[in-house]
Protein backbone atom coordinates (compact mmCIF):
# COMPACT_ATOMS: atom_id res chain seq x y z
CA MET A 1 93.70 193.25 -138.32
CA LEU A 2 94.48 192.05 -134.88
CA ASN A 3 91.03 190.64 -133.27
CA PRO A 4 90.39 192.94 -130.00
CA ASN A 5 89.03 189.70 -128.31
CA LYS A 6 92.92 188.82 -128.11
CA LYS A 7 93.77 191.38 -125.75
CA THR A 8 91.61 189.83 -122.99
CA LEU A 9 92.77 186.12 -124.01
CA LEU A 10 96.45 186.43 -122.81
CA PRO A 11 95.99 187.95 -119.44
CA LYS A 12 92.96 185.38 -118.84
CA ALA A 13 95.39 182.07 -120.00
CA LEU A 14 98.35 183.79 -117.76
CA LEU A 15 95.98 183.72 -114.78
CA SER A 16 94.80 180.33 -115.10
CA PHE A 17 98.44 179.16 -115.36
CA LEU A 18 99.19 181.11 -112.29
CA PHE A 19 96.57 179.57 -110.48
CA PHE A 20 97.11 175.90 -111.35
CA LEU A 21 100.98 176.31 -110.05
CA PHE A 22 99.60 177.69 -107.12
CA SER A 23 96.86 174.78 -106.43
CA PHE A 24 99.83 172.36 -106.87
CA HIS A 25 102.18 173.92 -104.63
CA LEU A 26 99.77 173.71 -102.08
CA LEU A 27 98.87 170.07 -102.56
CA PHE A 28 102.52 168.92 -102.43
CA PHE A 29 102.97 170.95 -99.26
CA CYS A 30 99.77 169.11 -97.71
CA SER A 31 100.72 166.14 -98.55
CA ALA A 32 104.40 166.79 -96.85
CA GLU A 33 102.80 167.60 -94.07
CA VAL A 34 100.82 164.63 -93.78
CA SER A 35 103.59 162.00 -94.56
CA SER A 36 106.14 163.93 -92.17
CA HIS A 37 103.82 165.02 -89.42
CA PRO A 38 104.33 168.26 -87.72
CA ILE A 39 104.95 167.40 -84.21
CA LYS A 40 108.81 167.63 -83.37
CA THR A 41 110.71 164.36 -83.84
CA HIS A 42 112.98 164.80 -80.87
CA ILE A 43 109.86 164.55 -78.20
CA LYS A 44 108.50 161.31 -77.41
CA ILE A 45 104.83 160.53 -77.35
CA ARG A 46 104.06 159.79 -74.15
CA VAL A 47 101.43 156.64 -74.58
CA ALA A 48 99.65 155.88 -71.50
CA THR A 49 98.29 151.95 -71.00
CA ARG A 50 97.29 149.36 -68.65
CA ASN A 51 97.04 145.85 -68.46
CA ASP A 52 93.57 145.45 -70.08
CA PRO A 53 93.00 142.24 -72.42
CA PRO A 54 92.79 141.81 -75.09
CA PHE A 55 93.43 145.66 -75.93
CA SER A 56 96.94 146.10 -74.21
CA ILE A 57 99.08 143.42 -72.32
CA ARG A 58 102.51 143.71 -71.51
CA GLY A 59 104.05 140.45 -72.96
CA MET A 60 107.02 137.80 -71.13
CA ASP A 61 109.39 140.10 -72.99
CA GLY A 62 108.39 143.25 -71.19
CA GLU A 63 106.80 144.68 -74.19
CA TRP A 64 103.12 145.78 -74.64
CA GLU A 65 100.47 144.15 -77.68
CA GLY A 66 97.00 143.66 -77.67
CA ILE A 67 94.42 144.93 -80.20
CA ALA A 68 94.81 148.81 -79.36
CA ALA A 69 98.97 148.27 -78.67
CA ASP A 70 99.36 146.64 -81.76
CA LEU A 71 97.55 149.09 -83.96
CA TRP A 72 99.28 152.36 -82.50
CA LYS A 73 102.41 150.43 -83.15
CA ARG A 74 101.82 150.25 -86.64
CA ILE A 75 100.47 153.95 -86.76
CA ALA A 76 103.73 155.46 -85.10
CA ALA A 77 105.97 153.51 -87.90
CA ASP A 78 104.34 154.69 -90.44
CA LEU A 79 104.05 158.27 -89.49
CA ASN A 80 107.40 158.14 -87.92
CA ILE A 81 106.67 159.32 -84.52
CA PRO A 82 108.50 158.51 -81.77
CA TYR A 83 106.70 157.13 -78.54
CA GLU A 84 107.29 155.36 -74.84
CA PHE A 85 104.20 153.06 -73.15
CA ILE A 86 103.88 154.31 -69.74
CA GLU A 87 101.79 151.80 -67.62
CA MET A 88 99.42 153.29 -65.24
CA PRO A 89 97.08 152.06 -62.84
CA GLY A 90 93.99 149.83 -63.79
CA ASP A 91 91.44 152.55 -63.01
CA GLN A 92 90.30 154.70 -66.05
CA GLN A 93 89.76 157.69 -63.93
CA ALA A 94 93.39 157.66 -63.42
CA LEU A 95 94.24 157.36 -67.26
CA VAL A 96 92.11 160.67 -67.69
CA ARG A 97 93.64 162.64 -64.96
CA SER A 98 97.18 161.91 -66.51
CA LEU A 99 95.75 162.72 -69.90
CA LEU A 100 94.00 166.40 -68.85
CA ASP A 101 96.96 167.15 -66.24
CA LYS A 102 99.81 166.84 -69.30
CA LYS A 103 101.65 163.92 -67.93
CA VAL A 104 100.90 161.40 -71.13
CA ASP A 105 100.21 162.35 -74.24
CA VAL A 106 97.56 159.56 -75.36
CA VAL A 107 95.76 156.78 -74.46
CA VAL A 108 96.05 153.60 -75.87
CA THR A 109 93.74 150.88 -74.38
CA GLY A 110 90.32 149.74 -74.24
CA MET A 111 88.72 152.92 -73.44
CA GLY A 112 84.88 153.30 -74.82
CA ILE A 113 83.62 156.52 -76.18
CA ASN A 114 80.93 157.88 -74.26
CA ILE A 115 79.01 160.90 -73.47
CA GLU A 116 80.82 161.91 -70.09
CA LEU A 117 84.33 161.49 -71.19
CA LEU A 118 83.67 163.61 -74.36
CA LYS A 119 82.96 166.41 -72.63
CA LYS A 120 86.74 165.83 -71.54
CA LEU A 121 88.38 164.43 -74.00
CA ALA A 122 89.18 164.37 -77.83
CA PHE A 123 88.80 160.90 -79.02
CA SER A 124 90.55 159.60 -82.72
CA TYR A 125 88.62 157.75 -85.31
CA PRO A 126 86.99 154.13 -83.56
CA PHE A 127 89.43 151.37 -84.52
CA LEU A 128 86.69 148.73 -83.17
CA SER A 129 83.10 148.18 -82.81
CA SER A 130 81.57 146.38 -80.25
CA GLY A 131 79.51 145.87 -77.05
CA LEU A 132 78.04 144.69 -74.05
CA GLY A 133 77.80 141.07 -73.91
CA VAL A 134 76.37 138.34 -71.59
CA ALA A 135 78.40 135.11 -69.66
CA TYR A 136 76.42 131.65 -69.39
CA ARG A 137 77.29 128.76 -68.32
CA SER A 138 77.73 125.91 -71.03
CA SER A 139 75.52 122.89 -72.16
CA PRO A 140 72.10 123.99 -71.80
CA ILE A 141 69.71 121.46 -70.25
CA SER A 142 66.25 120.45 -70.91
CA SER A 143 63.40 121.06 -68.81
CA LEU A 144 62.82 117.48 -67.27
CA GLN A 145 66.46 117.43 -66.64
CA ALA A 146 66.33 120.95 -64.78
CA VAL A 147 62.93 119.70 -62.60
CA PHE A 148 65.52 116.46 -61.66
CA ARG A 149 68.23 118.69 -60.83
CA PHE A 150 66.34 120.93 -58.99
CA MET A 151 64.46 118.29 -57.10
CA LEU A 152 68.07 116.85 -55.31
CA ASN A 153 69.15 120.03 -54.47
CA PRO A 154 69.60 120.20 -50.39
CA GLU A 155 67.66 123.34 -50.08
CA PHE A 156 64.40 121.77 -51.97
CA ALA A 157 64.95 119.06 -49.10
CA THR A 158 64.99 121.32 -46.42
CA VAL A 159 61.74 123.73 -48.12
CA VAL A 160 59.75 120.21 -48.22
CA CYS A 161 60.84 119.02 -44.70
CA GLY A 162 59.99 122.38 -43.17
CA MET A 163 56.62 122.78 -44.96
CA THR A 164 55.51 118.58 -43.70
CA PHE A 165 56.68 120.00 -40.15
CA LEU A 166 53.98 122.52 -39.82
CA THR A 167 51.12 120.41 -41.50
CA LEU A 168 52.11 117.84 -38.44
CA ILE A 169 51.76 120.60 -36.35
CA ALA A 170 48.80 121.68 -37.84
CA GLY A 171 47.31 118.50 -37.67
CA PHE A 172 48.59 117.76 -34.10
CA PHE A 173 46.11 120.71 -32.67
CA VAL A 174 43.20 120.01 -34.59
CA TRP A 175 43.77 116.02 -33.10
CA ILE A 176 43.74 117.61 -29.62
CA PHE A 177 40.51 119.60 -29.75
CA GLU A 178 39.10 117.07 -31.76
CA ARG A 179 40.05 113.65 -30.37
CA LYS A 180 36.90 113.38 -28.06
CA LYS A 181 34.02 114.99 -29.49
CA ASN A 182 35.09 114.28 -33.36
CA PRO A 183 34.43 110.44 -34.58
CA HIS A 184 36.54 111.19 -37.32
CA PHE A 185 39.50 112.11 -35.45
CA GLY A 186 38.77 110.00 -32.34
CA GLY A 187 39.59 106.02 -31.69
CA SER A 188 43.29 104.95 -31.39
CA PHE A 189 46.20 107.27 -31.24
CA ILE A 190 47.25 106.28 -34.49
CA HIS A 191 44.18 106.39 -36.09
CA GLY A 192 42.77 109.82 -34.78
CA ILE A 193 46.25 111.41 -35.49
CA GLY A 194 46.25 109.90 -38.86
CA ASN A 195 43.36 111.27 -39.82
CA ALA A 196 44.50 114.92 -38.27
CA PHE A 197 47.31 114.84 -40.57
CA TRP A 198 45.53 113.77 -43.43
CA TRP A 199 43.02 116.72 -42.79
CA ALA A 200 45.88 119.22 -42.68
CA ALA A 201 47.72 118.11 -45.92
CA VAL A 202 44.24 118.08 -48.36
CA THR A 203 43.36 121.51 -46.81
CA MET A 204 46.84 123.09 -47.61
CA THR A 205 47.01 122.12 -51.00
CA THR A 206 43.03 123.29 -50.86
CA ILE A 207 41.54 119.89 -52.32
CA GLY A 208 39.58 119.83 -49.49
CA TYR A 209 37.53 116.63 -49.67
CA GLY A 210 34.99 117.17 -46.93
CA ASP A 211 35.70 113.56 -45.44
CA LYS A 212 36.58 114.99 -42.30
CA VAL A 213 35.73 117.91 -40.78
CA PRO A 214 36.34 119.39 -37.12
CA LYS A 215 33.38 120.30 -35.08
CA THR A 216 34.39 122.20 -32.10
CA VAL A 217 35.40 125.61 -31.52
CA GLY A 218 38.85 124.96 -30.87
CA GLY A 219 39.33 122.92 -33.84
CA ARG A 220 37.51 124.96 -36.37
CA THR A 221 39.45 127.96 -35.32
CA VAL A 222 42.77 126.05 -35.97
CA ALA A 223 41.16 125.32 -39.03
CA MET A 224 40.62 128.55 -40.24
CA ILE A 225 44.14 129.48 -39.03
CA TRP A 226 45.35 126.35 -41.29
CA MET A 227 43.65 127.58 -44.59
CA PHE A 228 44.76 130.84 -44.54
CA VAL A 229 48.71 129.88 -43.70
CA GLY A 230 48.20 126.75 -46.29
CA VAL A 231 47.16 128.95 -49.51
CA VAL A 232 50.38 131.49 -48.44
CA LEU A 233 52.94 128.19 -48.24
CA LEU A 234 51.56 126.60 -51.47
CA SER A 235 51.85 129.81 -53.22
CA PHE A 236 55.24 130.63 -52.20
CA PHE A 237 56.30 126.53 -52.56
CA THR A 238 55.07 126.78 -56.10
CA ALA A 239 56.61 130.05 -57.21
CA TRP A 240 59.82 129.25 -55.45
CA ILE A 241 59.92 125.76 -57.79
CA THR A 242 59.06 127.42 -60.92
CA ALA A 243 61.65 130.08 -60.39
CA GLY A 244 64.23 127.69 -59.40
CA VAL A 245 63.89 125.15 -62.06
CA ALA A 246 64.35 128.28 -64.34
CA LEU A 247 67.52 129.61 -62.54
CA GLU A 248 68.76 125.72 -63.31
CA LYS A 249 68.10 126.08 -66.98
CA VAL A 250 69.51 129.31 -67.66
CA SER A 251 71.04 129.44 -71.17
CA LEU A 252 70.96 131.82 -74.29
CA ASP A 253 67.01 131.72 -74.53
CA ILE A 254 66.57 133.92 -71.11
CA VAL A 255 69.62 136.00 -71.34
CA LYS A 256 67.51 138.83 -73.01
CA ALA A 257 67.12 142.48 -71.93
CA LYS A 258 63.89 141.95 -70.31
CA ASP A 259 65.02 139.04 -68.41
CA LEU A 260 68.17 140.44 -66.46
CA SER A 261 66.20 141.63 -64.05
CA GLN A 262 65.13 138.12 -63.37
CA ILE A 263 67.98 136.40 -62.76
CA ARG A 264 71.32 136.80 -60.52
CA ILE A 265 73.20 139.17 -62.47
CA ALA A 266 76.95 139.47 -62.03
CA ALA A 267 79.02 142.99 -63.27
CA VAL A 268 82.67 144.26 -62.13
CA LYS A 269 82.17 147.38 -60.43
CA ASN A 270 82.85 150.81 -61.84
CA SER A 271 82.50 149.18 -65.21
CA MET A 272 80.01 149.81 -68.06
CA GLY A 273 78.37 147.04 -67.37
CA SER A 274 77.47 147.63 -63.69
CA SER A 275 76.60 151.67 -65.26
CA TYR A 276 74.20 150.11 -67.93
CA LEU A 277 72.30 147.75 -65.10
CA ARG A 278 72.30 150.66 -62.54
CA LYS A 279 70.76 153.22 -65.36
CA ARG A 280 67.94 150.61 -65.74
CA GLN A 281 67.46 149.68 -62.17
CA ILE A 282 68.46 145.98 -62.03
CA ARG A 283 70.00 145.07 -59.01
CA ALA A 284 73.55 143.25 -59.88
CA ILE A 285 75.89 141.64 -57.58
CA LEU A 286 79.08 143.40 -58.02
CA PHE A 287 82.74 141.76 -58.46
CA ASP A 288 86.41 143.44 -58.35
CA THR A 289 87.74 141.53 -61.20
CA LEU A 290 86.13 139.74 -64.17
CA ASN A 291 87.71 136.70 -63.10
CA GLY A 292 85.90 136.56 -59.94
CA ALA A 293 82.87 137.19 -61.56
CA LEU A 294 83.27 134.57 -63.98
CA GLU A 295 84.72 131.95 -61.53
CA ALA A 296 81.21 132.77 -58.99
CA LEU A 297 79.14 132.04 -62.73
CA LYS A 298 81.17 128.68 -62.99
CA GLU A 299 80.52 127.82 -59.07
CA LYS A 300 76.57 129.04 -60.00
CA LYS A 301 76.77 131.41 -57.31
CA VAL A 302 75.35 133.79 -60.19
CA ASP A 303 73.44 132.93 -63.18
CA ALA A 304 74.84 135.36 -65.98
CA VAL A 305 77.76 138.00 -65.79
CA LEU A 306 77.31 141.01 -68.23
CA SER A 307 80.67 142.79 -69.22
CA GLU A 308 82.59 144.14 -72.17
CA LEU A 309 82.27 141.51 -75.09
CA GLU A 310 86.09 141.53 -76.07
CA GLN A 311 87.06 141.48 -72.92
CA LEU A 312 84.90 138.37 -71.68
CA ARG A 313 85.71 136.75 -74.70
CA TYR A 314 89.51 137.07 -74.21
CA VAL A 315 89.37 135.63 -70.39
CA ILE A 316 86.74 132.94 -71.18
CA GLN A 317 88.62 131.44 -74.03
CA LYS A 318 92.24 131.68 -71.54
CA GLU A 319 90.72 130.41 -68.44
CA PHE A 320 87.15 128.93 -68.60
CA GLY A 321 87.34 127.24 -72.32
CA GLY A 322 84.00 124.64 -72.50
CA GLU A 323 82.42 125.54 -69.12
CA LEU A 324 81.27 129.15 -70.07
CA GLU A 325 79.87 131.09 -73.56
CA VAL A 326 79.25 134.35 -74.67
CA SER A 327 76.08 135.33 -75.79
CA GLU A 328 76.42 136.90 -79.28
CA LYS A 329 73.30 139.39 -78.25
CA THR A 330 74.92 142.64 -77.52
CA PHE A 331 73.08 145.06 -75.22
CA LEU A 332 74.94 148.42 -75.73
CA ARG A 333 77.19 148.99 -78.49
CA ILE A 334 80.85 150.59 -77.90
CA ASP A 335 83.17 151.96 -79.78
CA TYR A 336 86.84 151.86 -78.84
CA ALA A 337 89.45 154.37 -79.69
CA PHE A 338 92.21 156.33 -79.54
CA ALA A 339 91.97 159.44 -76.22
CA PHE A 340 93.63 162.90 -76.28
CA ARG A 341 93.50 166.16 -75.01
CA PRO A 342 91.82 168.37 -76.97
CA GLY A 343 93.36 170.37 -79.81
CA GLU A 344 96.54 167.87 -80.13
CA GLU A 345 97.91 168.07 -83.66
CA ILE A 346 98.45 164.24 -83.23
CA LEU A 347 95.01 163.99 -83.10
CA GLN A 348 94.08 164.77 -87.04
CA LEU A 349 97.43 163.10 -87.98
CA VAL A 350 96.15 159.64 -86.41
CA ASP A 351 92.82 160.40 -87.78
CA THR A 352 94.13 160.50 -91.31
CA TRP A 353 96.00 157.63 -90.97
CA MET A 354 93.01 155.54 -89.75
CA VAL A 355 90.48 156.92 -92.87
CA SER A 356 92.38 156.04 -95.15
CA HIS A 357 93.16 152.64 -93.57
CA LEU A 358 89.62 151.63 -93.29
CA ASN A 359 89.81 148.24 -94.40
CA GLU A 360 92.89 147.18 -92.62
CA LEU A 361 90.94 148.57 -89.47
CA LYS A 362 88.45 145.76 -90.22
CA ILE A 363 91.22 143.03 -89.19
CA TYR A 364 91.12 144.01 -85.97
CA GLU A 365 87.38 143.29 -85.26
CA ASN A 366 88.60 139.81 -85.94
CA HIS A 367 91.49 139.64 -84.28
CA GLU A 368 91.33 136.16 -84.06
CA ARG A 369 95.25 135.95 -81.78
CA TYR A 370 93.47 137.54 -79.00
């Protein structure tokens, strides 16, 4: 006698077998779609780039290389994507407009992801995470060396001479009023004027020995005015020396976020560095190019330069080796990625490749070649 349950086992087994075949076919079809991209192979992808070391650099042979350019060439080769590089102006806004106007299909350069760009563009998985860094002059000096270097500065001599001149003027007017009525300032010209200068000096420094004091109305009026002026001059002089010695000693120790407002910080116009400083209401000295800002740093016209860490390292290594250094501290994280128009099929294809090659992407964080 047959088991009645066998009547239901056969249909279930058949359904399971058919479901297995369908799943296997679907998996095979999707794998084929990833390995042979759905983009028409006879149409070249227009890749916008610019001269943006170390991300994209035109070599002597006319070929593009760099962190971003090399990675794109690797991805395109693996996915059999035909493409052509199109050089664009250095302005990032021009790159964005060209992409949105469909003049190009992807932007391959040092473009960092930010909130404003995310409203317009779609970005791939980041191929490099870095940030804003600070460049400063090499060979930090000791406090004693900083004091001597500051005192040898011509500006220091000018200020000291100016304060000495004002002291002589105050002493002269006191001597005019007191020379005939006060024995402290009387006698010969050398004796009287010498004592008046001495009185003006000790009064300005707030020492005030009291050994010589004016007695006439005119002399005391000059003395009162000079007391207030002397306090202001001494306060200014002390603060100026302190700031001057600190600037002579600018090094990694004071290159911190809280100190950027206290030094002469430079940045490139319309860059992430200038935007960072502007949002924090930190006054910056702006330059047209990074090379110009670093040259000003070398010549001590500024105390530090805030810019993208990778660009600082590249330019300093190429042109300012041994003279400038880059802080390891980052002030703002920057994730670099390829930019696409929203909804592009190639974006999903590139992301799939990058996620499956995460370990290889770590190589680009070291990029010692650039």
